[in-house]
Protein backbone atom coordinates (compact mmCIF):
# COMPACT_ATOMS: atom_id res chain seq x y z
CA MET A 1 18.55 50.63 83.16
CA SER A 2 15.60 52.81 83.59
CA GLY A 3 16.81 55.45 80.97
CA PRO A 4 15.83 55.98 77.40
CA HIS A 5 18.66 53.78 76.35
CA GLY A 6 17.90 51.15 78.76
CA ARG A 7 14.19 50.89 77.60
CA GLY A 8 15.61 50.62 73.89
CA ASP A 9 18.04 47.92 74.71
CA VAL A 10 15.31 45.95 76.40
CA LYS A 11 13.04 46.27 73.24
CA SER A 12 16.06 45.29 70.99
CA PHE A 13 16.71 42.10 73.05
CA ASN A 14 13.12 40.96 73.08
CA ARG A 15 12.91 41.63 69.10
CA VAL A 16 15.99 39.62 68.51
CA LYS A 17 14.71 36.95 70.80
CA ARG A 18 11.48 36.57 68.93
CA ASN A 19 13.49 36.44 65.69
CA ASN A 20 15.61 33.66 66.79
CA ASN A 21 12.60 31.77 67.94
CA ASN A 22 10.96 31.96 64.52
CA ALA A 23 14.08 30.85 62.92
CA VAL A 24 14.31 27.81 65.16
CA ILE A 25 10.54 27.09 64.45
CA GLU A 26 10.88 27.54 60.74
CA ARG A 27 14.05 25.06 60.59
CA GLU A 28 12.20 22.62 62.76
CA GLY A 29 9.11 22.75 60.41
CA CYS A 30 11.19 22.29 57.19
CA GLN A 31 12.95 19.31 58.78
CA SER A 32 9.89 17.54 60.29
CA PRO A 33 9.17 14.14 58.89
CA HIS A 34 5.35 15.30 58.43
CA THR A 35 6.45 18.19 56.28
CA ARG A 36 8.66 16.18 54.06
CA ASN A 37 6.07 13.61 53.49
CA CYS A 38 3.57 16.29 52.46
CA PHE A 39 6.12 17.50 49.98
CA LEU A 40 7.06 14.30 48.45
CA ALA A 41 3.29 13.59 48.25
CA THR A 42 2.55 16.82 46.42
CA SER A 43 5.46 16.34 43.98
CA VAL A 44 4.28 12.89 43.06
CA MET A 45 0.57 13.99 42.61
CA GLY A 46 1.89 16.85 40.58
CA CYS A 47 4.14 14.61 38.38
CA LEU A 48 1.16 12.24 37.82
CA VAL A 49 -1.27 15.14 36.80
CA ILE A 50 1.25 16.27 34.24
CA ILE A 51 1.67 12.81 32.79
CA LEU A 52 -1.99 12.27 32.72
CA GLY A 53 -2.53 15.56 30.91
CA LEU A 54 0.10 14.80 28.38
CA LEU A 55 -1.77 11.32 27.79
CA VAL A 56 -4.89 12.88 27.35
CA LEU A 57 -3.63 15.42 24.94
CA THR A 58 -1.91 13.06 22.82
CA MET A 59 -4.45 9.88 22.98
CA ALA A 60 -7.83 11.28 23.76
CA PRO A 61 -8.57 12.69 20.27
CA SER A 62 -7.90 9.21 18.50
CA PHE A 63 -9.67 7.45 21.36
CA LEU A 64 -12.82 9.71 20.96
CA SER A 65 -12.65 9.47 17.16
CA SER A 66 -12.54 5.68 17.33
CA MET A 67 -15.46 5.58 19.77
CA ILE A 68 -17.38 7.79 17.60
CA LEU A 69 -16.79 5.80 14.45
CA LYS A 70 -17.65 2.76 16.36
CA SER A 71 -20.87 4.13 17.33
CA LEU A 72 -21.62 4.85 13.68
CA ALA A 73 -21.26 1.27 12.55
CA LEU A 74 -24.41 -0.27 10.61
CA SER A 75 -24.97 -2.95 13.32
CA PRO A 76 -28.22 -4.92 13.34
CA GLY A 77 -30.94 -3.26 15.33
CA SER A 78 -28.85 -0.13 15.95
CA ASP A 79 -30.17 3.43 15.59
CA ARG A 80 -27.64 4.23 12.85
CA LEU A 81 -28.95 1.25 10.80
CA ALA A 82 -32.66 2.66 11.16
CA SER A 83 -31.56 6.15 10.04
CA TRP A 84 -29.61 4.55 7.09
CA LEU A 85 -32.58 2.60 6.00
CA VAL A 86 -34.92 5.65 6.52
CA PRO A 87 -32.90 8.85 6.39
CA PRO A 88 -34.38 11.84 8.36
CA VAL A 89 -33.89 14.05 5.10
CA GLU A 90 -35.78 13.46 2.06
CA ALA A 91 -33.84 13.21 -1.35
CA HIS A 92 -35.16 14.79 -4.28
CA LEU A 93 -34.67 14.41 -8.13
CA THR A 94 -34.71 17.81 -10.11
CA ALA A 95 -35.32 17.18 -13.74
CA TYR A 96 -34.98 19.50 -16.67
CA ALA A 97 -35.40 18.75 -20.56
CA PHE A 98 -34.21 20.81 -23.61
CA ASN A 99 -37.11 21.34 -26.03
CA LEU A 100 -35.79 21.45 -29.81
CA THR A 101 -37.67 24.63 -31.32
CA ASN A 102 -36.54 24.03 -35.07
CA PRO A 103 -36.66 20.42 -35.83
CA ASP A 104 -37.35 20.84 -39.59
CA GLU A 105 -34.40 23.23 -39.97
CA VAL A 106 -32.15 20.76 -38.06
CA LEU A 107 -33.11 18.09 -40.60
CA LYS A 108 -32.26 20.13 -43.20
CA GLY A 109 -28.77 20.71 -41.74
CA GLY A 110 -29.38 23.84 -39.63
CA LYS A 111 -28.13 24.64 -36.14
CA PRO A 112 -30.42 23.41 -33.55
CA VAL A 113 -32.23 25.88 -31.29
CA VAL A 114 -33.23 24.55 -27.59
CA GLN A 115 -35.25 25.84 -24.90
CA GLU A 116 -34.72 24.68 -21.21
CA VAL A 117 -37.92 23.36 -19.65
CA GLY A 118 -38.29 22.53 -16.02
CA PRO A 119 -37.72 22.15 -13.24
CA PHE A 120 -39.92 19.13 -12.43
CA VAL A 121 -39.17 18.01 -8.78
CA TYR A 122 -39.77 14.31 -7.67
CA ARG A 123 -39.50 12.87 -4.18
CA VAL A 124 -37.19 10.04 -4.11
CA VAL A 125 -37.84 7.27 -1.53
CA THR A 126 -35.22 4.43 -1.37
CA VAL A 127 -36.22 1.19 0.10
CA LYS A 128 -33.03 -0.93 0.68
CA ASP A 129 -34.75 -3.67 2.69
CA SER A 130 -37.85 -4.60 0.65
CA LEU A 131 -39.22 -8.16 1.02
CA ASP A 132 -39.52 -10.96 -1.68
CA ILE A 133 -43.20 -11.63 -1.65
CA GLU A 134 -42.58 -15.06 -2.62
CA THR A 135 -40.07 -16.16 -0.29
CA GLY A 136 -40.61 -13.65 2.56
CA GLN A 137 -36.84 -13.05 2.38
CA SER A 138 -35.28 -9.46 2.86
CA HIS A 139 -33.28 -7.99 -0.05
CA LEU A 140 -30.88 -6.81 2.87
CA ASN A 141 -28.34 -9.40 4.16
CA TYR A 142 -25.34 -9.39 6.42
CA ASP A 143 -22.45 -11.55 5.64
CA PRO A 144 -22.00 -13.57 8.48
CA LEU A 145 -18.29 -14.14 8.09
CA GLY A 146 -17.35 -10.90 6.85
CA SER A 147 -17.78 -7.27 7.36
CA THR A 148 -20.17 -6.38 4.69
CA ILE A 149 -23.98 -5.60 4.10
CA THR A 150 -25.56 -6.56 0.60
CA TYR A 151 -28.68 -4.93 -0.37
CA ARG A 152 -30.82 -4.50 -3.61
CA PRO A 153 -32.44 -1.10 -3.45
CA ARG A 154 -35.61 0.21 -5.05
CA LYS A 155 -36.11 3.86 -5.79
CA ILE A 156 -39.55 5.26 -5.94
CA TYR A 157 -40.14 8.70 -7.60
CA HIS A 158 -43.19 10.73 -6.55
CA LEU A 159 -43.95 14.13 -8.30
CA VAL A 160 -44.03 17.15 -5.89
CA SER A 161 -43.50 20.18 -8.09
CA GLY A 162 -44.23 21.03 -11.81
CA ASP A 163 -46.67 19.97 -14.40
CA PRO A 164 -44.81 17.28 -16.64
CA ASP A 165 -47.93 15.83 -17.93
CA SER A 166 -49.08 18.85 -19.85
CA THR A 167 -45.52 20.02 -20.88
CA PHE A 168 -44.63 18.73 -24.37
CA ILE A 169 -41.40 18.78 -25.71
CA THR A 170 -39.57 17.74 -29.06
CA VAL A 171 -36.46 15.56 -28.42
CA PRO A 172 -34.64 13.02 -30.41
CA ASN A 173 -36.27 9.76 -31.16
CA ILE A 174 -34.12 7.70 -28.87
CA PRO A 175 -35.31 4.20 -30.10
CA LEU A 176 -35.08 5.02 -33.64
CA LEU A 177 -31.53 6.55 -33.25
CA THR A 178 -30.42 3.35 -31.15
CA GLY A 179 -31.72 1.11 -33.79
CA PHE A 180 -29.78 3.16 -36.49
CA SER A 181 -26.68 2.92 -34.32
CA GLY A 182 -26.80 -0.79 -34.09
CA ILE A 183 -26.99 -1.35 -38.00
CA ARG A 184 -24.37 1.27 -39.00
CA ASN A 185 -21.59 -1.39 -39.45
CA SER A 186 -24.07 -3.75 -41.35
CA MET A 187 -23.51 -4.41 -45.04
CA GLY A 188 -25.75 -4.43 -48.19
CA MET A 189 -29.27 -5.48 -48.25
CA THR A 190 -29.28 -6.53 -44.44
CA LYS A 191 -28.74 -2.98 -43.76
CA GLY A 192 -31.37 -1.71 -46.25
CA ILE A 193 -34.10 -4.13 -44.94
CA ALA A 194 -33.37 -3.09 -41.23
CA LYS A 195 -33.73 0.55 -41.87
CA ASN A 196 -36.95 0.12 -43.61
CA VAL A 197 -38.30 -2.10 -40.74
CA MET A 198 -37.45 0.49 -38.27
CA LEU A 199 -38.79 3.49 -40.28
CA ASN A 200 -42.15 1.59 -40.88
CA ASN A 201 -42.62 0.62 -37.27
CA GLY A 202 -43.17 3.08 -34.51
CA ARG A 203 -43.07 6.88 -35.11
CA GLY A 204 -40.49 6.71 -37.88
CA THR A 205 -38.92 10.16 -37.46
CA PRO A 206 -35.67 11.41 -36.08
CA PHE A 207 -37.66 13.86 -33.65
CA VAL A 208 -40.67 13.19 -31.57
CA ASN A 209 -42.99 15.54 -29.60
CA VAL A 210 -44.04 13.97 -26.14
CA SER A 211 -44.90 14.99 -22.82
CA PHE A 212 -42.13 15.23 -20.33
CA THR A 213 -43.78 12.47 -18.17
CA GLY A 214 -43.89 10.46 -21.35
CA LEU A 215 -40.44 10.83 -21.91
CA LEU A 216 -39.40 9.74 -18.42
CA TRP A 217 -41.96 6.93 -17.69
CA GLY A 218 -43.37 5.76 -20.91
CA TYR A 219 -45.12 6.93 -24.34
CA ASN A 220 -46.66 4.91 -27.07
CA ASP A 221 -43.99 3.79 -29.75
CA GLU A 222 -44.22 0.36 -31.49
CA LEU A 223 -40.54 0.17 -32.46
CA PRO A 224 -39.07 -0.81 -28.95
CA CYS A 225 -41.56 -3.86 -28.89
CA PHE A 226 -40.74 -5.06 -32.42
CA LYS A 227 -39.11 -8.08 -31.16
CA HIS A 228 -41.51 -8.78 -28.26
CA THR A 229 -44.09 -11.47 -28.41
CA ARG A 230 -47.53 -10.13 -28.51
CA PRO A 231 -50.04 -11.56 -26.29
CA GLU A 232 -52.99 -13.78 -27.79
CA GLU A 233 -55.60 -11.01 -27.18
CA CYS A 234 -53.60 -8.42 -29.09
CA PRO A 235 -54.08 -8.14 -33.02
CA PRO A 236 -50.99 -7.60 -35.08
CA PRO A 237 -50.05 -3.98 -35.76
CA ASP A 238 -51.66 -2.17 -38.61
CA GLY A 239 -50.64 -3.51 -41.88
CA GLU A 240 -49.06 -6.89 -40.39
CA ILE A 241 -50.68 -10.30 -40.79
CA ASP A 242 -49.72 -13.07 -38.38
CA ILE A 243 -49.37 -16.07 -40.78
CA PHE A 244 -48.21 -18.34 -37.86
CA SER A 245 -51.44 -17.82 -35.85
CA GLU A 246 -52.93 -21.08 -34.87
CA ASP A 247 -56.38 -19.35 -34.78
CA ASN A 248 -56.13 -18.24 -38.29
CA ASP A 249 -59.30 -19.78 -39.75
CA ASP A 250 -62.74 -18.98 -41.14
CA ASP A 251 -64.16 -18.46 -37.61
CA TRP A 252 -61.72 -15.61 -36.92
CA GLY A 253 -63.34 -12.28 -37.06
CA ASP A 254 -63.60 -8.70 -35.50
CA GLU A 255 -65.88 -9.78 -32.72
CA ASP A 256 -63.11 -12.38 -31.35
CA TRP A 257 -60.39 -9.49 -31.48
CA LYS A 258 -62.75 -7.12 -29.65
CA ARG A 259 -63.58 -9.84 -26.98
CA ARG A 260 -59.82 -10.54 -26.36
CA LYS A 261 -58.93 -6.82 -26.49
CA ARG A 262 -61.67 -6.19 -23.73
CA TYR A 263 -60.21 -9.05 -21.70
CA ALA A 264 -56.69 -7.54 -22.14
CA GLU A 265 -58.30 -4.02 -21.03
CA ASP A 266 -59.92 -5.54 -18.02
CA GLU A 267 -56.64 -6.89 -16.88
CA VAL A 268 -54.69 -3.56 -17.25
CA LEU A 269 -57.66 -1.89 -15.46
CA ARG A 270 -57.43 -4.54 -12.44
CA SER A 271 -53.56 -4.12 -12.38
CA LYS A 272 -53.72 -0.30 -12.48
CA ARG A 273 -56.21 -0.28 -9.41
CA SER A 274 -53.89 -2.25 -7.34
CA SER A 275 -51.10 0.01 -8.37
CA ASP A 276 -53.07 3.06 -7.55
CA GLU A 277 -53.82 1.67 -4.04
CA VAL A 278 -50.01 1.10 -3.49
CA LEU A 279 -49.08 4.56 -5.03
CA THR A 280 -51.70 6.19 -2.67
CA ARG A 281 -50.29 4.51 0.23
CA MET A 282 -46.83 5.76 -0.77
CA LYS A 283 -47.97 9.37 -1.23
CA ARG A 284 -49.76 9.33 2.19
CA SER A 285 -46.54 8.11 3.95
CA PRO A 286 -43.61 7.94 1.68
CA LEU A 287 -41.15 7.04 4.57
CA ASP A 288 -43.33 4.58 6.15
CA PRO A 289 -41.16 1.34 6.99
CA ASP A 290 -44.03 -0.76 6.06
CA LEU A 291 -43.24 0.00 2.42
CA ARG A 292 -40.74 -2.79 2.39
CA ARG A 293 -43.81 -5.18 2.65
CA LEU A 294 -45.68 -3.99 -0.38
CA ASN A 295 -46.16 -6.15 -3.45
CA PHE A 296 -43.89 -4.12 -5.47
CA SER A 297 -44.32 -6.57 -8.52
CA MET A 298 -47.55 -4.67 -9.26
CA LEU A 299 -45.55 -1.58 -9.98
CA GLU A 300 -42.49 -3.01 -11.67
CA LYS A 301 -42.07 -2.25 -15.47
CA PRO A 302 -39.65 -3.14 -17.94
CA LYS A 303 -38.25 -0.26 -20.27
CA ALA A 304 -40.46 -1.34 -23.14
CA GLU A 305 -43.75 -3.20 -22.68
CA LEU A 306 -47.00 -4.11 -24.50
CA VAL A 307 -49.74 -2.29 -22.49
CA ASN A 308 -53.38 -2.61 -23.76
CA CYS A 309 -51.94 -3.86 -26.96
CA ARG A 310 -49.78 -0.70 -27.60
CA CYS A 311 -46.07 -0.40 -26.85
CA GLU A 312 -44.79 1.84 -24.22
CA TRP A 313 -41.33 3.06 -23.90
CA GLY A 314 -39.67 5.42 -21.45
CA LEU A 315 -36.18 6.70 -20.48
CA PHE A 316 -36.78 5.61 -16.71
CA ARG A 317 -39.84 3.35 -17.23
CA ASP A 318 -37.81 0.54 -15.70
CA LYS A 319 -36.20 2.66 -12.89
CA ASN A 320 -39.31 3.60 -10.96
CA VAL A 321 -39.80 1.01 -7.97
CA THR A 322 -37.94 -1.76 -10.02
CA ILE A 323 -35.43 -3.46 -7.88
CA ARG A 324 -31.80 -2.54 -8.79
CA LYS A 325 -28.65 -4.49 -8.78
CA ALA A 326 -26.86 -5.57 -5.80
CA VAL A 327 -24.66 -3.22 -3.69
CA THR A 328 -22.40 -4.73 -1.22
CA ILE A 329 -20.81 -2.08 1.31
CA ASN A 330 -18.73 -2.26 4.49
CA HIS A 331 -20.91 -2.05 7.68
CA GLY A 332 -18.02 -0.78 9.74
CA MET A 333 -18.42 -3.08 12.80
CA LYS A 334 -15.04 -4.70 12.38
CA ASP A 335 -13.18 -1.61 10.93
CA PRO A 336 -15.06 1.54 11.77
CA SER A 337 -12.90 3.51 9.42
CA LYS A 338 -14.21 1.60 6.27
CA LYS A 339 -17.74 1.98 6.95
CA GLY A 340 -19.66 2.84 3.85
CA TRP A 341 -17.03 1.73 1.40
CA VAL A 342 -18.29 -0.16 -1.53
CA GLU A 343 -16.92 -3.62 -1.90
CA GLN A 344 -18.98 -4.74 -4.85
CA PHE A 345 -21.51 -3.84 -7.45
CA ASP A 346 -23.72 -6.54 -9.04
CA SER A 347 -21.31 -9.22 -7.47
CA SER A 348 -18.42 -7.54 -9.15
CA THR A 349 -15.36 -5.67 -7.75
CA THR A 350 -14.81 -3.64 -10.81
CA LEU A 351 -17.37 -1.75 -12.89
CA GLY A 352 -15.46 -2.39 -16.27
CA TRP A 353 -16.00 1.08 -17.56
CA TRP A 354 -12.12 1.57 -18.05
CA GLU A 355 -9.64 -0.65 -19.65
CA ASP A 356 -6.12 -0.83 -18.57
């Protein structure tokens, strides 16, 4: 078999033999125990990866969300509580007013013409955990058996833009109009007497011209203090005689009035100096955590008050620094989804603004 055909047959025979050997090897490899174990292990791992992936896709978002919400709870000593007490972003109050340019025409029945004045921008610092100077207790407290925080905030307003002191506006005389509203349902002589009292005390006109600062934080008007008890060092208003004064005797004179008034002025000056020191500290560092330890009683003011024997009244006079009503919110430690929910305001679960 030395011819061409013989060599070809040998090659064909060898090729068939190699193919047969490979087929035998392949059949033996697929059927070997080691190969089967690898196949089963790979299949199981693949199924586990698929199941794990499905679990991650279905459960991970809610799990991550719950973890994030839990980290946002206002827990004692947490960073979230610290950022809630002293926010990294400053709040501002932007104030405008409408100046009445034709008050005389309005009194005659004309149409009012107003001019917008402003803006005046005030920085607002909220102190939620101020301390009671007398007791040393904080005005922020956790409910030990519940899921709430109760706090009484103070808001401190500090002018940062505008010139409200020299901006004068003509506005309705709110104390007078409020008094008129209170007697509108009165009858007969009572209504007439009350009307005369209100017109003869204070400014007595439907419109007043005051600075924007005065409108917000206080200007002189005797009517709001009509029912207030006057301090001993203050004489009666012009035209009024105090017939019940125990000191109404022959020794009473101008010098005694002057002495008492000087004493009142000194008290006001001392109080003002203390207040100025506190205000200077707040202006220097309005977000200083030590603000909670200040003696805010030096700065608290009612809406109407006798100052240096003259009555001061302002729309926001009792809002600056004065402690506000208690607010109770959910701190989110038990149920993170309820964090920040207002549970009570001034110890009530309803505001009473609407009736069923």
